[in-house]
C-alpha atoms as a PDB file:
ATOM      1  CA  MET A   1     -32.615  10.779  -8.349  1.00  0.00           C
ATOM      2  CA  GLY A   2     -31.083   8.254 -10.693  1.00  0.00           C
ATOM      3  CA  ARG A   3     -28.622  10.870 -11.937  1.00  0.00           C
ATOM      4  CA  TYR A   4     -27.356  11.530  -8.401  1.00  0.00           C
ATOM      5  CA  ALA A   5     -27.080   7.810  -7.723  1.00  0.00           C
ATOM      6  CA  ALA A   6     -25.061   7.368 -10.906  1.00  0.00           C
ATOM      7  CA  ALA A   7     -22.804  10.287  -9.974  1.00  0.00           C
ATOM      8  CA  TRP A   8     -22.201   8.818  -6.517  1.00  0.00           C
ATOM      9  CA  GLY A   9     -21.433   5.467  -8.109  1.00  0.00           C
ATOM     10  CA  ASP A  10     -18.762   7.109 -10.264  1.00  0.00           C
ATOM     11  CA  CYS A  11     -17.272   8.937  -7.266  1.00  0.00           C
ATOM     12  CA  LYS A  12     -17.388   5.989  -4.862  1.00  0.00           C
ATOM     13  CA  PRO A  13     -13.932   4.568  -5.748  1.00  0.00           C
ATOM     14  CA  THR A  14     -12.374   8.026  -5.330  1.00  0.00           C
ATOM     15  CA  ALA A  15     -14.082   8.602  -1.979  1.00  0.00           C
ATOM     16  CA  THR A  16     -13.055   5.139  -0.831  1.00  0.00           C
ATOM     17  CA  MET A  17      -9.380   5.708  -1.650  1.00  0.00           C
ATOM     18  CA  LEU A  18      -9.403   9.117   0.072  1.00  0.00           C
ATOM     19  CA  ALA A  19     -10.605   7.419   3.252  1.00  0.00           C
ATOM     20  CA  VAL A  20      -7.960   4.718   2.865  1.00  0.00           C
ATOM     21  CA  VAL A  21      -5.064   7.188   2.607  1.00  0.00           C
ATOM     22  CA  VAL A  22      -6.187   8.975   5.784  1.00  0.00           C
ATOM     23  CA  VAL A  23      -6.222   5.640   7.618  1.00  0.00           C
ATOM     24  CA  PHE A  24      -2.760   4.760   6.304  1.00  0.00           C
ATOM     25  CA  ALA A  25      -1.318   8.142   7.288  1.00  0.00           C
ATOM     26  CA  VAL A  26      -2.538   7.699  10.866  1.00  0.00           C
ATOM     27  CA  LEU A  27      -1.338   4.093  10.795  1.00  0.00           C
ATOM     28  CA  ASN A  28       2.205   5.145   9.876  1.00  0.00           C
ATOM     29  CA  THR A  29       2.396   7.589  12.765  1.00  0.00           C
ATOM     30  CA  LEU A  30       1.011   5.098  15.296  1.00  0.00           C
ATOM     31  CA  THR A  31       3.420   2.429  14.079  1.00  0.00           C
ATOM     32  CA  LYS A  32       6.439   4.716  14.407  1.00  0.00           C
ATOM     33  CA  MET A  33       5.354   5.644  17.942  1.00  0.00           C
ATOM     34  CA  ALA A  34       4.976   1.946  18.842  1.00  0.00           C
ATOM     35  CA  PHE A  35       8.459   1.239  17.478  1.00  0.00           C
ATOM     36  CA  ASN A  36       9.820   4.097  19.568  1.00  0.00           C
ATOM     37  CA  GLN A  37       8.393   2.293  22.603  1.00  0.00           C
ATOM     38  CA  GLY A  38      10.357  -0.848  21.727  1.00  0.00           C
ATOM     39  CA  MET A  39       7.772  -2.929  19.867  1.00  0.00           C
ATOM     40  CA  HIS A  40       9.289  -5.522  17.522  1.00  0.00           C
ATOM     41  CA  THR A  41       8.591  -5.388  13.782  1.00  0.00           C
ATOM     42  CA  THR A  42       7.684  -9.039  13.216  1.00  0.00           C
ATOM     43  CA  VAL A  43       5.531  -9.149  16.344  1.00  0.00           C
ATOM     44  CA  LEU A  44       3.512  -6.124  15.229  1.00  0.00           C
ATOM     45  CA  ILE A  45       2.944  -7.551  11.743  1.00  0.00           C
ATOM     46  CA  THR A  46       1.980 -10.972  13.123  1.00  0.00           C
ATOM     47  CA  LEU A  47      -0.563  -9.525  15.554  1.00  0.00           C
ATOM     48  CA  ARG A  48      -1.806  -7.149  12.862  1.00  0.00           C
ATOM     49  CA  GLN A  49      -2.564 -10.000  10.453  1.00  0.00           C
ATOM     50  CA  LEU A  50      -4.228 -12.072  13.180  1.00  0.00           C
ATOM     51  CA  THR A  51      -6.452  -9.129  14.109  1.00  0.00           C
ATOM     52  CA  ALA A  52      -7.351  -8.553  10.457  1.00  0.00           C
ATOM     53  CA  PHE A  53      -8.255 -12.224   9.968  1.00  0.00           C
ATOM     54  CA  LEU A  54     -10.424 -12.346  13.099  1.00  0.00           C
ATOM     55  CA  PHE A  55     -12.181  -9.178  11.928  1.00  0.00           C
ATOM     56  CA  LEU A  56     -12.827 -10.334   8.356  1.00  0.00           C
ATOM     57  CA  ALA A  57     -13.509 -14.058   8.861  1.00  0.00           C
ATOM     58  CA  PRO A  58     -17.056 -13.771  10.290  1.00  0.00           C
ATOM     59  CA  ILE A  59     -17.972 -11.117   7.722  1.00  0.00           C
ATOM     60  CA  ALA A  60     -16.727 -13.353   4.912  1.00  0.00           C
ATOM     61  CA  TYR A  61     -18.537 -16.402   6.278  1.00  0.00           C
ATOM     62  CA  PHE A  62     -21.976 -14.825   6.550  1.00  0.00           C
ATOM     63  CA  ARG A  63     -21.805 -12.560   3.501  1.00  0.00           C
ATOM     64  CA  GLU A  64     -20.347 -15.038   1.000  1.00  0.00           C
ATOM     65  CA  ARG A  65     -21.324 -18.466   2.332  1.00  0.00           C
ATOM     66  CA  LYS A  66     -23.708 -19.028  -0.610  1.00  0.00           C
ATOM     67  CA  THR A  67     -21.610 -17.432  -3.343  1.00  0.00           C
ATOM     68  CA  ARG A  68     -18.050 -18.333  -2.333  1.00  0.00           C
ATOM     69  CA  PRO A  69     -16.276 -20.219  -5.147  1.00  0.00           C
ATOM     70  CA  LYS A  70     -14.531 -23.512  -4.507  1.00  0.00           C
ATOM     71  CA  LEU A  71     -11.004 -23.138  -3.138  1.00  0.00           C
ATOM     72  CA  THR A  72      -8.833 -24.962  -5.676  1.00  0.00           C
ATOM     73  CA  LEU A  73      -5.084 -25.577  -5.541  1.00  0.00           C
ATOM     74  CA  GLU A  74      -4.541 -22.850  -8.136  1.00  0.00           C
ATOM     75  CA  ILE A  75      -6.494 -20.335  -6.057  1.00  0.00           C
ATOM     76  CA  PHE A  76      -4.600 -21.358  -2.918  1.00  0.00           C
ATOM     77  CA  VAL A  77      -1.284 -20.706  -4.675  1.00  0.00           C
ATOM     78  CA  TYR A  78      -2.535 -17.267  -5.745  1.00  0.00           C
ATOM     79  CA  LEU A  79      -3.648 -16.531  -2.186  1.00  0.00           C
ATOM     80  CA  PHE A  80      -0.346 -17.739  -0.744  1.00  0.00           C
ATOM     81  CA  PHE A  81       1.735 -15.439  -2.931  1.00  0.00           C
ATOM     82  CA  SER A  82      -0.763 -12.637  -2.433  1.00  0.00           C
ATOM     83  CA  ALA A  83      -0.116 -13.010   1.294  1.00  0.00           C
ATOM     84  CA  VAL A  84       3.653 -13.065   0.746  1.00  0.00           C
ATOM     85  CA  LEU A  85       3.740  -9.982  -1.482  1.00  0.00           C
ATOM     86  CA  GLY A  86       0.938  -7.834  -0.129  1.00  0.00           C
ATOM     87  CA  ALA A  87       0.619  -8.702   3.534  1.00  0.00           C
ATOM     88  CA  SER A  88       3.941 -10.147   4.712  1.00  0.00           C
ATOM     89  CA  LEU A  89       6.967  -9.064   2.692  1.00  0.00           C
ATOM     90  CA  THR A  90       5.713  -5.601   1.761  1.00  0.00           C
ATOM     91  CA  GLN A  91       4.813  -4.737   5.350  1.00  0.00           C
ATOM     92  CA  TRP A  92       8.031  -6.177   6.768  1.00  0.00           C
ATOM     93  CA  LEU A  93      10.184  -4.202   4.315  1.00  0.00           C
ATOM     94  CA  PHE A  94       8.177  -1.040   4.893  1.00  0.00           C
ATOM     95  CA  PHE A  95       8.383  -1.347   8.674  1.00  0.00           C
ATOM     96  CA  VAL A  96      12.143  -1.996   8.503  1.00  0.00           C
ATOM     97  CA  GLY A  97      12.482   1.160   6.424  1.00  0.00           C
ATOM     98  CA  LEU A  98      10.196   3.009   8.813  1.00  0.00           C
ATOM     99  CA  ARG A  99      12.306   1.942  11.798  1.00  0.00           C
ATOM    100  CA  TYR A 100      15.559   3.023  10.120  1.00  0.00           C
ATOM    101  CA  THR A 101      14.298   6.340   8.715  1.00  0.00           C
ATOM    102  CA  THR A 102      11.246   8.481   9.480  1.00  0.00           C
ATOM    103  CA  ALA A 103       7.525   8.093   8.889  1.00  0.00           C
ATOM    104  CA  THR A 104       7.426  10.966   6.379  1.00  0.00           C
ATOM    105  CA  PHE A 105      10.419   9.601   4.455  1.00  0.00           C
ATOM    106  CA  ALA A 106       8.872   6.126   4.349  1.00  0.00           C
ATOM    107  CA  CYS A 107       5.635   7.532   2.953  1.00  0.00           C
ATOM    108  CA  ALA A 108       7.605   9.171   0.137  1.00  0.00           C
ATOM    109  CA  PHE A 109       8.763   5.770  -1.073  1.00  0.00           C
ATOM    110  CA  ILE A 110       5.207   4.455  -1.083  1.00  0.00           C
ATOM    111  CA  ASN A 111       4.634   6.979  -3.870  1.00  0.00           C
ATOM    112  CA  MET A 112       6.907   4.896  -6.098  1.00  0.00           C
ATOM    113  CA  THR A 113       4.305   2.124  -6.146  1.00  0.00           C
ATOM    114  CA  PRO A 114       2.309   3.475  -9.145  1.00  0.00           C
ATOM    115  CA  MET A 115       5.471   3.711 -11.267  1.00  0.00           C
ATOM    116  CA  PHE A 116       6.431   0.149 -10.408  1.00  0.00           C
ATOM    117  CA  THR A 117       2.840  -0.967 -11.002  1.00  0.00           C
ATOM    118  CA  PHE A 118       2.807   0.619 -14.450  1.00  0.00           C
ATOM    119  CA  LEU A 119       6.129  -1.006 -15.418  1.00  0.00           C
ATOM    120  CA  VAL A 120       5.086  -4.413 -14.099  1.00  0.00           C
ATOM    121  CA  ALA A 121       1.656  -4.201 -15.768  1.00  0.00           C
ATOM    122  CA  LEU A 122       3.115  -3.556 -19.238  1.00  0.00           C
ATOM    123  CA  PRO A 123       4.426  -7.074 -19.981  1.00  0.00           C
ATOM    124  CA  PHE A 124       1.136  -8.554 -18.726  1.00  0.00           C
ATOM    125  CA  ARG A 125      -0.781  -6.299 -21.152  1.00  0.00           C
ATOM    126  CA  MET A 126      -2.719  -4.827 -18.264  1.00  0.00           C
ATOM    127  CA  GLU A 127      -1.496  -1.378 -19.288  1.00  0.00           C
ATOM    128  CA  LYS A 128      -0.913   0.035 -22.751  1.00  0.00           C
ATOM    129  CA  LEU A 129       1.834   2.372 -23.919  1.00  0.00           C
ATOM    130  CA  ASP A 130       1.491   4.300 -27.174  1.00  0.00           C
ATOM    131  CA  LEU A 131       4.314   6.821 -27.597  1.00  0.00           C
ATOM    132  CA  LYS A 132       2.415   8.469 -30.451  1.00  0.00           C
ATOM    133  CA  THR A 133      -0.128   9.861 -27.984  1.00  0.00           C
ATOM    134  CA  GLY A 134       0.182  12.462 -25.249  1.00  0.00           C
ATOM    135  CA  ALA A 135      -0.911   9.907 -22.669  1.00  0.00           C
ATOM    136  CA  GLY A 136       1.871   7.516 -23.628  1.00  0.00           C
ATOM    137  CA  ILE A 137       4.517  10.241 -23.494  1.00  0.00           C
ATOM    138  CA  ALA A 138       3.174  11.410 -20.122  1.00  0.00           C
ATOM    139  CA  LYS A 139       3.552   7.893 -18.702  1.00  0.00           C
ATOM    140  CA  VAL A 140       7.203   7.723 -19.762  1.00  0.00           C
ATOM    141  CA  ILE A 141       7.988  11.222 -18.466  1.00  0.00           C
ATOM    142  CA  GLY A 142       6.151  10.608 -15.212  1.00  0.00           C
ATOM    143  CA  THR A 143       7.944   7.334 -14.554  1.00  0.00           C
ATOM    144  CA  ALA A 144      11.361   8.874 -15.309  1.00  0.00           C
ATOM    145  CA  VAL A 145      10.702  11.904 -13.097  1.00  0.00           C
ATOM    146  CA  GLY A 146       9.423   9.665 -10.296  1.00  0.00           C
ATOM    147  CA  PHE A 147      12.513   7.469 -10.286  1.00  0.00           C
ATOM    148  CA  THR A 148      14.721  10.571 -10.331  1.00  0.00           C
ATOM    149  CA  GLY A 149      12.946  11.737  -7.201  1.00  0.00           C
ATOM    150  CA  ALA A 150      13.472   8.340  -5.571  1.00  0.00           C
ATOM    151  CA  ILE A 151      17.219   8.530  -6.260  1.00  0.00           C
ATOM    152  CA  ILE A 152      17.372  11.979  -4.651  1.00  0.00           C
ATOM    153  CA  LEU A 153      15.423  10.697  -1.652  1.00  0.00           C
ATOM    154  CA  ALA A 154      17.829   7.828  -1.130  1.00  0.00           C
ATOM    155  CA  LEU A 155      21.140   9.616  -1.762  1.00  0.00           C
ATOM    156  CA  TYR A 156      20.689  13.208  -0.586  1.00  0.00           C
ATOM    157  CA  GLN A 157      19.309  14.612   2.665  1.00  0.00           C
ATOM    158  CA  GLY A 158      20.568  18.181   2.777  1.00  0.00           C
ATOM    159  CA  PRO A 159      19.887  20.703   5.528  1.00  0.00           C
ATOM    160  CA  SER A 160      16.799  20.508   7.703  1.00  0.00           C
ATOM    161  CA  LEU A 161      13.842  22.739   6.890  1.00  0.00           C
ATOM    162  CA  THR A 162      12.261  22.310  10.324  1.00  0.00           C
ATOM    163  CA  LYS A 163      13.508  22.675  13.860  1.00  0.00           C
ATOM    164  CA  SER A 164      13.422  19.875  16.392  1.00  0.00           C
ATOM    165  CA  PRO A 165      14.419  19.409  20.032  1.00  0.00           C
ATOM    166  CA  PRO A 166      18.058  18.393  20.715  1.00  0.00           C
ATOM    167  CA  THR A 167      17.027  14.875  21.728  1.00  0.00           C
ATOM    168  CA  MET A 168      15.302  14.382  18.401  1.00  0.00           C
ATOM    169  CA  ALA A 169      18.371  15.621  16.531  1.00  0.00           C
ATOM    170  CA  VAL A 170      20.479  12.931  18.212  1.00  0.00           C
ATOM    171  CA  GLY A 171      17.972  10.266  17.191  1.00  0.00           C
ATOM    172  CA  ALA A 172      17.892  11.586  13.645  1.00  0.00           C
ATOM    173  CA  HIS A 173      21.703  11.381  13.435  1.00  0.00           C
ATOM    174  CA  HIS A 174      21.630   7.779  14.630  1.00  0.00           C
ATOM    175  CA  SER A 175      18.957   6.989  12.058  1.00  0.00           C
ATOM    176  CA  SER A 176      20.981   8.568   9.249  1.00  0.00           C
ATOM    177  CA  SER A 177      23.753   5.996   9.798  1.00  0.00           C
ATOM    178  CA  ARG A 178      21.285   3.322   8.598  1.00  0.00           C
ATOM    179  CA  TRP A 179      19.573   5.540   6.030  1.00  0.00           C
ATOM    180  CA  ALA A 180      20.814   3.514   3.054  1.00  0.00           C
ATOM    181  CA  ILE A 181      19.441   0.246   4.474  1.00  0.00           C
ATOM    182  CA  GLY A 182      16.097   1.888   5.145  1.00  0.00           C
ATOM    183  CA  SER A 183      15.976   3.337   1.621  1.00  0.00           C
ATOM    184  CA  VAL A 184      16.692  -0.028  -0.001  1.00  0.00           C
ATOM    185  CA  ALA A 185      14.049  -1.714   2.162  1.00  0.00           C
ATOM    186  CA  LEU A 186      11.453   0.919   1.272  1.00  0.00           C
ATOM    187  CA  LEU A 187      12.242   0.717  -2.443  1.00  0.00           C
ATOM    188  CA  ALA A 188      11.963  -3.073  -2.348  1.00  0.00           C
ATOM    189  CA  GLY A 189       8.708  -2.769  -0.418  1.00  0.00           C
ATOM    190  CA  ALA A 190       7.242  -0.471  -3.070  1.00  0.00           C
ATOM    191  CA  ALA A 191       8.215  -2.982  -5.763  1.00  0.00           C
ATOM    192  CA  CYS A 192       6.608  -5.863  -3.843  1.00  0.00           C
ATOM    193  CA  TRP A 193       3.429  -3.875  -3.320  1.00  0.00           C
ATOM    194  CA  SER A 194       3.258  -3.186  -7.060  1.00  0.00           C
ATOM    195  CA  PHE A 195       3.477  -6.901  -7.799  1.00  0.00           C
ATOM    196  CA  TRP A 196       0.698  -7.447  -5.244  1.00  0.00           C
ATOM    197  CA  PHE A 197      -1.607  -5.000  -7.065  1.00  0.00           C
ATOM    198  CA  ILE A 198      -1.057  -6.892 -10.309  1.00  0.00           C
ATOM    199  CA  LEU A 199      -1.520 -10.285  -8.654  1.00  0.00           C
ATOM    200  CA  GLN A 200      -4.638  -9.088  -6.846  1.00  0.00           C
ATOM    201  CA  SER A 201      -6.260  -7.945 -10.083  1.00  0.00           C
ATOM    202  CA  ARG A 202      -5.775 -11.475 -11.455  1.00  0.00           C
ATOM    203  CA  LEU A 203      -6.941 -13.113  -8.237  1.00  0.00           C
ATOM    204  CA  GLY A 204     -10.103 -11.007  -8.217  1.00  0.00           C
ATOM    205  CA  LYS A 205     -11.184 -12.603 -11.508  1.00  0.00           C
ATOM    206  CA  LYS A 206     -10.268 -16.159 -10.523  1.00  0.00           C
ATOM    207  CA  TYR A 207     -11.698 -15.985  -6.994  1.00  0.00           C
ATOM    208  CA  PRO A 208     -14.432 -13.300  -6.958  1.00  0.00           C
ATOM    209  CA  ALA A 209     -15.028 -13.460  -3.211  1.00  0.00           C
ATOM    210  CA  LEU A 210     -13.712 -10.174  -1.884  1.00  0.00           C
ATOM    211  CA  TYR A 211     -14.165 -10.805   1.837  1.00  0.00           C
ATOM    212  CA  SER A 212     -13.147 -14.466   1.833  1.00  0.00           C
ATOM    213  CA  GLY A 213     -10.110 -13.796  -0.339  1.00  0.00           C
ATOM    214  CA  ASN A 214      -8.789 -11.097   1.964  1.00  0.00           C
ATOM    215  CA  ALA A 215      -9.546 -13.126   5.102  1.00  0.00           C
ATOM    216  CA  LEU A 216      -7.621 -16.109   3.737  1.00  0.00           C
ATOM    217  CA  MET A 217      -4.775 -13.856   2.642  1.00  0.00           C
ATOM    218  CA  PHE A 218      -4.386 -12.493   6.172  1.00  0.00           C
ATOM    219  CA  LEU A 219      -4.627 -15.969   7.694  1.00  0.00           C
ATOM    220  CA  LEU A 220      -1.784 -17.155   5.458  1.00  0.00           C
ATOM    221  CA  SER A 221       0.205 -14.006   6.188  1.00  0.00           C
ATOM    222  CA  PHE A 222      -0.318 -14.534   9.928  1.00  0.00           C
ATOM    223  CA  LEU A 223       1.089 -18.060   9.656  1.00  0.00           C
ATOM    224  CA  GLN A 224       4.034 -16.828   7.570  1.00  0.00           C
ATOM    225  CA  MET A 225       4.931 -13.994   9.931  1.00  0.00           C
ATOM    226  CA  ALA A 226       4.325 -16.105  13.054  1.00  0.00           C
ATOM    227  CA  ALA A 227       6.838 -18.663  11.788  1.00  0.00           C
ATOM    228  CA  MET A 228       9.317 -15.889  11.045  1.00  0.00           C
ATOM    229  CA  ALA A 229       8.765 -14.230  14.428  1.00  0.00           C
ATOM    230  CA  LEU A 230       9.166 -17.471  16.385  1.00  0.00           C
ATOM    231  CA  ALA A 231      12.372 -18.211  14.482  1.00  0.00           C
ATOM    232  CA  THR A 232      13.914 -14.780  15.053  1.00  0.00           C
ATOM    233  CA  GLU A 233      12.435 -13.628  18.377  1.00  0.00           C
ATOM    234  CA  ARG A 234      13.397 -16.233  20.994  1.00  0.00           C
ATOM    235  CA  ASP A 235      12.434 -13.981  23.911  1.00  0.00           C
ATOM    236  CA  LEU A 236       8.719 -14.580  24.556  1.00  0.00           C
ATOM    237  CA  SER A 237       8.440 -11.284  26.439  1.00  0.00           C
ATOM    238  CA  VAL A 238       8.406  -9.389  23.116  1.00  0.00           C
ATOM    239  CA  TRP A 239       4.872 -10.711  22.540  1.00  0.00           C
ATOM    240  CA  ILE A 240       3.548  -8.892  25.608  1.00  0.00           C
ATOM    241  CA  LEU A 241       1.994  -5.511  24.795  1.00  0.00           C
ATOM    242  CA  THR A 242       3.129  -3.286  27.647  1.00  0.00           C
ATOM    243  CA  THR A 243       1.435   0.044  26.856  1.00  0.00           C
ATOM    244  CA  LYS A 244      -2.012   1.235  25.820  1.00  0.00           C
ATOM    245  CA  LEU A 245      -0.472   2.746  22.682  1.00  0.00           C
ATOM    246  CA  GLN A 246       0.859  -0.647  21.577  1.00  0.00           C
ATOM    247  CA  ILE A 247      -2.537  -2.291  22.144  1.00  0.00           C
ATOM    248  CA  PHE A 248      -4.368   0.474  20.267  1.00  0.00           C
ATOM    249  CA  THR A 249      -1.814   0.339  17.435  1.00  0.00           C
ATOM    250  CA  VAL A 250      -2.292  -3.409  16.947  1.00  0.00           C
ATOM    251  CA  LEU A 251      -6.093  -3.047  16.876  1.00  0.00           C
ATOM    252  CA  PHE A 252      -6.009  -0.006  14.575  1.00  0.00           C
ATOM    253  CA  VAL A 253      -3.539  -1.400  12.045  1.00  0.00           C
ATOM    254  CA  GLY A 254      -5.269  -4.785  12.096  1.00  0.00           C
ATOM    255  CA  ILE A 255      -8.887  -3.664  11.741  1.00  0.00           C
ATOM    256  CA  MET A 256      -8.575  -0.338   9.922  1.00  0.00           C
ATOM    257  CA  GLY A 257      -5.288  -0.838   8.081  1.00  0.00           C
ATOM    258  CA  SER A 258      -5.276  -4.484   7.072  1.00  0.00           C
ATOM    259  CA  GLY A 259      -8.949  -5.420   7.405  1.00  0.00           C
ATOM    260  CA  ILE A 260     -10.909  -2.478   6.024  1.00  0.00           C
ATOM    261  CA  GLY A 261      -7.991  -0.890   4.164  1.00  0.00           C
ATOM    262  CA  PHE A 262      -7.031  -3.923   2.071  1.00  0.00           C
ATOM    263  CA  LEU A 263     -10.700  -4.748   1.533  1.00  0.00           C
ATOM    264  CA  ALA A 264     -11.329  -1.256   0.170  1.00  0.00           C
ATOM    265  CA  MET A 265      -8.249  -1.357  -2.055  1.00  0.00           C
ATOM    266  CA  SER A 266      -9.199  -4.760  -3.458  1.00  0.00           C
ATOM    267  CA  TRP A 267     -12.648  -3.409  -4.312  1.00  0.00           C
ATOM    268  CA  CYS A 268     -11.154  -0.329  -5.986  1.00  0.00           C
ATOM    269  CA  ILE A 269      -8.809  -2.531  -8.022  1.00  0.00           C
ATOM    270  CA  GLU A 270     -11.837  -4.439  -9.324  1.00  0.00           C
ATOM    271  CA  GLN A 271     -13.630  -1.179 -10.140  1.00  0.00           C
ATOM    272  CA  ARG A 272     -10.870   0.977 -11.665  1.00  0.00           C
ATOM    273  CA  GLY A 273      -7.715  -1.115 -11.946  1.00  0.00           C
ATOM    274  CA  PRO A 274      -4.370  -1.176 -10.106  1.00  0.00           C
ATOM    275  CA  VAL A 275      -2.886   2.077 -11.436  1.00  0.00           C
ATOM    276  CA  PHE A 276      -5.921   4.155 -10.416  1.00  0.00           C
ATOM    277  CA  THR A 277      -5.853   2.655  -6.935  1.00  0.00           C
ATOM    278  CA  THR A 278      -2.161   3.357  -6.339  1.00  0.00           C
ATOM    279  CA  ALA A 279      -2.474   6.912  -7.669  1.00  0.00           C
ATOM    280  CA  PHE A 280      -3.762   8.161  -4.309  1.00  0.00           C
ATOM    281  CA  THR A 281      -0.648   7.235  -2.332  1.00  0.00           C
ATOM    282  CA  PRO A 282       0.907  10.770  -2.356  1.00  0.00           C
ATOM    283  CA  LEU A 283      -1.882  11.983  -0.109  1.00  0.00           C
ATOM    284  CA  ILE A 284      -0.579   9.630   2.583  1.00  0.00           C
ATOM    285  CA  GLN A 285       2.686  11.550   2.676  1.00  0.00           C
ATOM    286  CA  PHE A 286       1.051  14.978   2.916  1.00  0.00           C
ATOM    287  CA  ILE A 287      -1.177  13.918   5.800  1.00  0.00           C
ATOM    288  CA  ALA A 288       1.551  11.912   7.530  1.00  0.00           C
ATOM    289  CA  ALA A 289       4.073  14.758   7.230  1.00  0.00           C
ATOM    290  CA  ALA A 290       1.712  17.183   8.943  1.00  0.00           C
ATOM    291  CA  ILE A 291       1.009  14.710  11.750  1.00  0.00           C
ATOM    292  CA  ASN A 292       4.610  13.604  12.221  1.00  0.00           C
ATOM    293  CA  ILE A 293       6.169  17.069  12.327  1.00  0.00           C
ATOM    294  CA  VAL A 294       3.755  17.984  15.123  1.00  0.00           C
ATOM    295  CA  ALA A 295       3.469  14.666  16.994  1.00  0.00           C
ATOM    296  CA  LEU A 296       6.921  13.138  16.472  1.00  0.00           C
ATOM    297  CA  HIS A 297       8.940  16.333  15.861  1.00  0.00           C
ATOM    298  CA  GLU A 298      10.428  14.816  12.714  1.00  0.00           C
ATOM    299  CA  GLN A 299      12.824  16.896  10.654  1.00  0.00           C
ATOM    300  CA  LEU A 300      11.989  17.676   7.035  1.00  0.00           C
ATOM    301  CA  HIS A 301      15.162  17.818   4.922  1.00  0.00           C
ATOM    302  CA  VAL A 302      15.730  19.538   1.586  1.00  0.00           C
ATOM    303  CA  GLY A 303      16.474  16.221  -0.121  1.00  0.00           C
ATOM    304  CA  SER A 304      13.248  14.699   1.152  1.00  0.00           C
ATOM    305  CA  ALA A 305      11.219  17.719   0.046  1.00  0.00           C
ATOM    306  CA  VAL A 306      12.749  17.896  -3.455  1.00  0.00           C
ATOM    307  CA  GLY A 307      12.703  14.133  -3.990  1.00  0.00           C
ATOM    308  CA  SER A 308       9.121  13.821  -2.761  1.00  0.00           C
ATOM    309  CA  ALA A 309       8.009  16.673  -5.008  1.00  0.00           C
ATOM    310  CA  LEU A 310       9.533  14.973  -8.062  1.00  0.00           C
ATOM    311  CA  VAL A 311       7.952  11.641  -7.167  1.00  0.00           C
ATOM    312  CA  ILE A 312       4.542  13.279  -6.802  1.00  0.00           C
ATOM    313  CA  VAL A 313       4.914  15.227 -10.065  1.00  0.00           C
ATOM    314  CA  GLY A 314       5.864  12.018 -11.843  1.00  0.00           C
ATOM    315  CA  LEU A 315       2.970  10.186 -10.273  1.00  0.00           C
ATOM    316  CA  TYR A 316       0.411  12.682 -11.482  1.00  0.00           C
ATOM    317  CA  PHE A 317       1.829  12.598 -14.984  1.00  0.00           C
ATOM    318  CA  VAL A 318       0.919   8.917 -14.906  1.00  0.00           C
ATOM    319  CA  LEU A 319      -2.496   9.684 -13.391  1.00  0.00           C
ATOM    320  CA  TRP A 320      -3.182  12.323 -16.071  1.00  0.00           C
ATOM    321  CA  ALA A 321      -2.333   9.743 -18.720  1.00  0.00           C
ATOM    322  CA  LYS A 322      -4.759   7.296 -17.142  1.00  0.00           C
ATOM    323  CA  THR A 323      -7.464   9.958 -17.175  1.00  0.00           C
ATOM    324  CA  LYS A 324      -6.906  10.565 -20.884  1.00  0.00           C
ATOM    325  CA  GLU A 325      -7.134   6.850 -21.607  1.00  0.00           C
ATOM    326  CA  ALA A 326     -10.273   6.349 -19.506  1.00  0.00           C
ATOM    327  CA  PRO A 327     -12.846   7.214 -22.246  1.00  0.00           C
ATOM    328  CA  ASP A 328     -11.433   4.442 -24.428  1.00  0.00           C
ATOM    329  CA  ALA A 329     -11.140   1.890 -21.634  1.00  0.00           C
ATOM    330  CA  ALA A 330     -13.662  -0.592 -20.354  1.00  0.00           C
ATOM    331  CA  PRO A 331     -14.909  -0.169 -16.782  1.00  0.00           C
ATOM    332  CA  SER A 332     -12.374  -2.715 -15.561  1.00  0.00           C
ATOM    333  CA  ASN A 333      -9.346  -1.307 -17.327  1.00  0.00           C
ATOM    334  CA  HIS A 334      -7.030  -3.744 -15.641  1.00  0.00           C
ATOM    335  CA  VAL A 335      -8.240  -6.639 -17.833  1.00  0.00           C
ATOM    336  CA  PRO A 336      -5.785  -7.663 -20.569  1.00  0.00           C
ATOM    337  CA  VAL A 337      -6.700  -6.347 -23.998  1.00  0.00           C
ATOM    338  CA  GLU A 338      -7.117  -9.737 -25.631  1.00  0.00           C
ATOM    339  CA  GLU A 339      -9.420 -10.988 -22.847  1.00  0.00           C
ATOM    340  CA  LYS A 340     -11.881  -8.093 -22.734  1.00  0.00           C
ATOM    341  CA  SER A 341     -14.011  -9.351 -25.567  1.00  0.00           C
ATOM    342  CA  LYS A 342     -14.209 -12.825 -24.007  1.00  0.00           C
ATOM    343  CA  GLN A 343     -15.423 -11.815 -20.572  1.00  0.00           C
ATOM    344  CA  ALA A 344     -19.009 -11.362 -19.547  1.00  0.00           C
ATOM    345  CA  SER A 345     -20.043  -8.044 -18.089  1.00  0.00           C
ATOM    346  CA  HIS A 346     -19.614  -9.056 -14.431  1.00  0.00           C
ATOM    347  CA  GLN A 347     -20.184  -6.362 -11.825  1.00  0.00           C
ATOM    348  CA  PRO A 348     -18.224  -6.906  -8.561  1.00  0.00           C
ATOM    349  CA  GLU A 349     -20.198  -6.920  -5.356  1.00  0.00           C
ATOM    350  CA  ASP A 350     -20.266  -3.547  -3.651  1.00  0.00           C
ATOM    351  CA  VAL A 351     -18.393  -3.078  -0.386  1.00  0.00           C
END
């Protein structure tokens, strides 16, 4: 019995991330459909963060009221920038890119997050690179191949591999006129999300209150996005949700996407580190592509297919390297090398 429990414990982070990517794939499709109905980007993000906070706050209060660390100024600064990078700026950039391109294309750029995470983690000594080993070479090759795929995604569309109704073709042509803006926004969003993964791994050690930390992050993000929305959206009618789809989208992205999704990712970061957690992002694109071609009649172009394939190949070079390094790593492989010997063997609370 103990052997099965241990095996499930080892598989739990993987199973958690598989569930997260399914939620995010559905989230992307719902969001694109809400945008097609005229919902504003900043309004959706603001309501999403408010919903996530209202969902997590009571859980955090009752579960961590006796163990919650003191909220110091240093922790507040970490939480503020965690909200900026992970909950506000990343989502705003991604949704701008989603509005200007397609849901499948936007998901392809999410796959750049592990490459950015690896590059950002290097100077913080949260990742190691030894070019004398196969794992080190694989990381370099994977990162180079991934960025090559991103360049192809941004600069080349090519002919369509799927058919779509004439009305959808007109919309796709209009979207292609802003394709470059959408690509830049998505690339910047992937970079911001990578910085959030690194920041979150630090925050998890300084403020080991998973539920409270995420609830406060979404509260701060709600205030940030509300200020931005009130400054840019002077028409109060944009705050009125006019369709059932818009209401369902806000609840789904708030509870499942932001609330449970970010909670699960934060837990996985504590368990396996930031690179492992971001390694599951390609599955979002596969699931989203299948949904979007059927539900939204999106066109799949040669450039998107080739670029996405290269990004995914590069990503799994990095994942293979992480697998090879795992036997030599401590359970929390995101801890800097020089700090591992100083830390006590603290086990994060299970989700």
